[in-house]
Amino acid sequence: MNFGFFYLKMGNLELSEKYLLKSVDLGNLDFGYQNLGHIYFAKKNKQQAFETYKESIKNFTDKNEFFEIFDDDFQYLEQYGVTEEEYTDMKNKLLDI
């Protein structure tokens, strides 16, 4: 686990974003973008989250792995007020790409 994901789990979006941007800069494009998407989703910036998740999906060798992790990570999004309805809507949009 990288520091960005750790801070996401601990409730510090600012530090999480800082470390995740560094992670992406270092080439961690699959999980880095996925977790950045979580940050934007938690901040209620759904369009930026969607675009960032799309980048993540492009960098996963197996699209199903993205969605398995996405499902597992809902618990962290929920702590920031993302509802199950919002989560399901986002997932359905991502499944359509």
C-alpha atoms as a PDB file:
ATOM      1  CA  MET A   1       0.000   0.000   0.000  1.00  0.00           C
ATOM      2  CA  ASN A   2       1.272   3.452  -0.775  1.00  0.00           C
ATOM      3  CA  PHE A   3       0.994   6.529   1.423  1.00  0.00           C
ATOM      4  CA  GLY A   4      -1.721   8.022  -0.779  1.00  0.00           C
ATOM      5  CA  PHE A   5      -4.077   5.114  -0.191  1.00  0.00           C
ATOM      6  CA  PHE A   6      -3.158   5.052   3.494  1.00  0.00           C
ATOM      7  CA  TYR A   7      -4.148   8.706   3.905  1.00  0.00           C
ATOM      8  CA  LEU A   8      -7.354   8.104   1.944  1.00  0.00           C
ATOM      9  CA  LYS A   9      -8.275   5.350   4.390  1.00  0.00           C
ATOM     10  CA  MET A  10      -7.342   7.560   7.342  1.00  0.00           C
ATOM     11  CA  GLY A  11      -9.507  10.459   6.176  1.00  0.00           C
ATOM     12  CA  ASN A  12      -6.891  12.944   4.991  1.00  0.00           C
ATOM     13  CA  LEU A  13      -7.813  13.774   1.394  1.00  0.00           C
ATOM     14  CA  GLU A  14      -5.237  16.521   0.983  1.00  0.00           C
ATOM     15  CA  LEU A  15      -2.231  14.375   1.904  1.00  0.00           C
ATOM     16  CA  SER A  16      -3.712  11.461   0.008  1.00  0.00           C
ATOM     17  CA  GLU A  17      -3.985  13.520  -3.176  1.00  0.00           C
ATOM     18  CA  LYS A  18      -0.429  14.812  -2.763  1.00  0.00           C
ATOM     19  CA  TYR A  19       1.041  11.321  -2.516  1.00  0.00           C
ATOM     20  CA  LEU A  20      -1.172   9.863  -5.229  1.00  0.00           C
ATOM     21  CA  LEU A  21      -0.133  12.551  -7.699  1.00  0.00           C
ATOM     22  CA  LYS A  22       3.482  11.651  -6.956  1.00  0.00           C
ATOM     23  CA  SER A  23       2.630   7.970  -7.402  1.00  0.00           C
ATOM     24  CA  VAL A  24       1.159   8.675 -10.844  1.00  0.00           C
ATOM     25  CA  ASP A  25       4.214  10.764 -11.761  1.00  0.00           C
ATOM     26  CA  LEU A  26       6.356   7.734 -10.875  1.00  0.00           C
ATOM     27  CA  GLY A  27       4.361   5.536 -13.244  1.00  0.00           C
ATOM     28  CA  ASN A  28       1.826   3.891 -10.951  1.00  0.00           C
ATOM     29  CA  LEU A  29      -0.947   4.586 -13.422  1.00  0.00           C
ATOM     30  CA  ASP A  30      -3.457   1.844 -12.650  1.00  0.00           C
ATOM     31  CA  PHE A  31      -3.862   2.066  -8.876  1.00  0.00           C
ATOM     32  CA  GLY A  32      -2.635   5.662  -8.723  1.00  0.00           C
ATOM     33  CA  TYR A  33      -5.358   6.941 -11.030  1.00  0.00           C
ATOM     34  CA  GLN A  34      -7.956   4.705  -9.407  1.00  0.00           C
ATOM     35  CA  ASN A  35      -7.231   6.124  -5.980  1.00  0.00           C
ATOM     36  CA  LEU A  36      -7.068   9.678  -7.323  1.00  0.00           C
ATOM     37  CA  GLY A  37     -10.512   9.041  -8.753  1.00  0.00           C
ATOM     38  CA  HIS A  38     -11.624   8.118  -5.248  1.00  0.00           C
ATOM     39  CA  ILE A  39     -10.288  11.440  -3.962  1.00  0.00           C
ATOM     40  CA  TYR A  40     -12.231  13.423  -6.561  1.00  0.00           C
ATOM     41  CA  PHE A  41     -15.349  11.325  -5.984  1.00  0.00           C
ATOM     42  CA  ALA A  42     -15.073  11.919  -2.224  1.00  0.00           C
ATOM     43  CA  LYS A  43     -14.751  15.648  -2.920  1.00  0.00           C
ATOM     44  CA  LYS A  44     -17.983  15.423  -4.970  1.00  0.00           C
ATOM     45  CA  ASN A  45     -16.188  16.245  -8.226  1.00  0.00           C
ATOM     46  CA  LYS A  46     -17.867  13.440 -10.142  1.00  0.00           C
ATOM     47  CA  GLN A  47     -16.738  14.500 -13.618  1.00  0.00           C
ATOM     48  CA  GLN A  48     -13.087  14.673 -12.618  1.00  0.00           C
ATOM     49  CA  ALA A  49     -13.486  11.331 -10.809  1.00  0.00           C
ATOM     50  CA  PHE A  50     -14.987   9.775 -13.941  1.00  0.00           C
ATOM     51  CA  GLU A  51     -12.182  11.025 -16.183  1.00  0.00           C
ATOM     52  CA  THR A  52      -9.549   9.843 -13.703  1.00  0.00           C
ATOM     53  CA  TYR A  53     -11.170   6.416 -13.377  1.00  0.00           C
ATOM     54  CA  LYS A  54     -11.141   6.143 -17.189  1.00  0.00           C
ATOM     55  CA  GLU A  55      -7.376   6.722 -17.138  1.00  0.00           C
ATOM     56  CA  SER A  56      -7.035   4.041 -14.499  1.00  0.00           C
ATOM     57  CA  ILE A  57      -9.027   1.506 -16.517  1.00  0.00           C
ATOM     58  CA  LYS A  58      -6.804   2.136 -19.548  1.00  0.00           C
ATOM     59  CA  ASN A  59      -3.795   1.170 -17.445  1.00  0.00           C
ATOM     60  CA  PHE A  60      -5.154  -2.030 -15.909  1.00  0.00           C
ATOM     61  CA  THR A  61      -4.268  -5.113 -17.925  1.00  0.00           C
ATOM     62  CA  ASP A  62      -7.542  -6.668 -16.781  1.00  0.00           C
ATOM     63  CA  LYS A  63     -10.553  -4.333 -16.654  1.00  0.00           C
ATOM     64  CA  ASN A  64     -12.288  -6.752 -14.271  1.00  0.00           C
ATOM     65  CA  GLU A  65      -9.535  -6.202 -11.719  1.00  0.00           C
ATOM     66  CA  PHE A  66     -10.343  -2.488 -11.712  1.00  0.00           C
ATOM     67  CA  PHE A  67     -13.979  -3.232 -10.886  1.00  0.00           C
ATOM     68  CA  GLU A  68     -13.139  -5.798  -8.204  1.00  0.00           C
ATOM     69  CA  ILE A  69     -10.985  -3.222  -6.434  1.00  0.00           C
ATOM     70  CA  PHE A  70     -13.553  -0.496  -7.080  1.00  0.00           C
ATOM     71  CA  ASP A  71     -16.153  -2.647  -5.304  1.00  0.00           C
ATOM     72  CA  ASP A  72     -13.806  -3.353  -2.392  1.00  0.00           C
ATOM     73  CA  ASP A  73     -13.001   0.352  -2.023  1.00  0.00           C
ATOM     74  CA  PHE A  74     -16.630   1.490  -1.755  1.00  0.00           C
ATOM     75  CA  GLN A  75     -16.294   1.284   2.033  1.00  0.00           C
ATOM     76  CA  TYR A  76     -13.736   4.107   1.921  1.00  0.00           C
ATOM     77  CA  LEU A  77     -15.859   6.240  -0.392  1.00  0.00           C
ATOM     78  CA  GLU A  78     -18.836   5.715   1.861  1.00  0.00           C
ATOM     79  CA  GLN A  79     -16.966   7.244   4.807  1.00  0.00           C
ATOM     80  CA  TYR A  80     -16.793  10.474   2.774  1.00  0.00           C
ATOM     81  CA  GLY A  81     -20.525  10.511   2.123  1.00  0.00           C
ATOM     82  CA  VAL A  82     -20.617   8.810  -1.292  1.00  0.00           C
ATOM     83  CA  THR A  83     -23.947   7.025  -1.376  1.00  0.00           C
ATOM     84  CA  GLU A  84     -24.570   3.581  -2.788  1.00  0.00           C
ATOM     85  CA  GLU A  85     -26.695   5.213  -5.506  1.00  0.00           C
ATOM     86  CA  GLU A  86     -23.862   7.567  -6.515  1.00  0.00           C
ATOM     87  CA  TYR A  87     -21.415   4.664  -6.469  1.00  0.00           C
ATOM     88  CA  THR A  88     -23.687   2.486  -8.619  1.00  0.00           C
ATOM     89  CA  ASP A  89     -24.252   5.325 -11.099  1.00  0.00           C
ATOM     90  CA  MET A  90     -20.499   5.875 -11.428  1.00  0.00           C
ATOM     91  CA  LYS A  91     -19.831   2.167 -11.829  1.00  0.00           C
ATOM     92  CA  ASN A  92     -22.490   1.846 -14.528  1.00  0.00           C
ATOM     93  CA  LYS A  93     -21.021   4.786 -16.451  1.00  0.00           C
ATOM     94  CA  LEU A  94     -17.584   3.191 -16.239  1.00  0.00           C
ATOM     95  CA  LEU A  95     -18.888  -0.186 -17.371  1.00  0.00           C
ATOM     96  CA  ASP A  96     -20.240   1.512 -20.496  1.00  0.00           C
ATOM     97  CA  ILE A  97     -16.833   2.714 -21.702  1.00  0.00           C
END
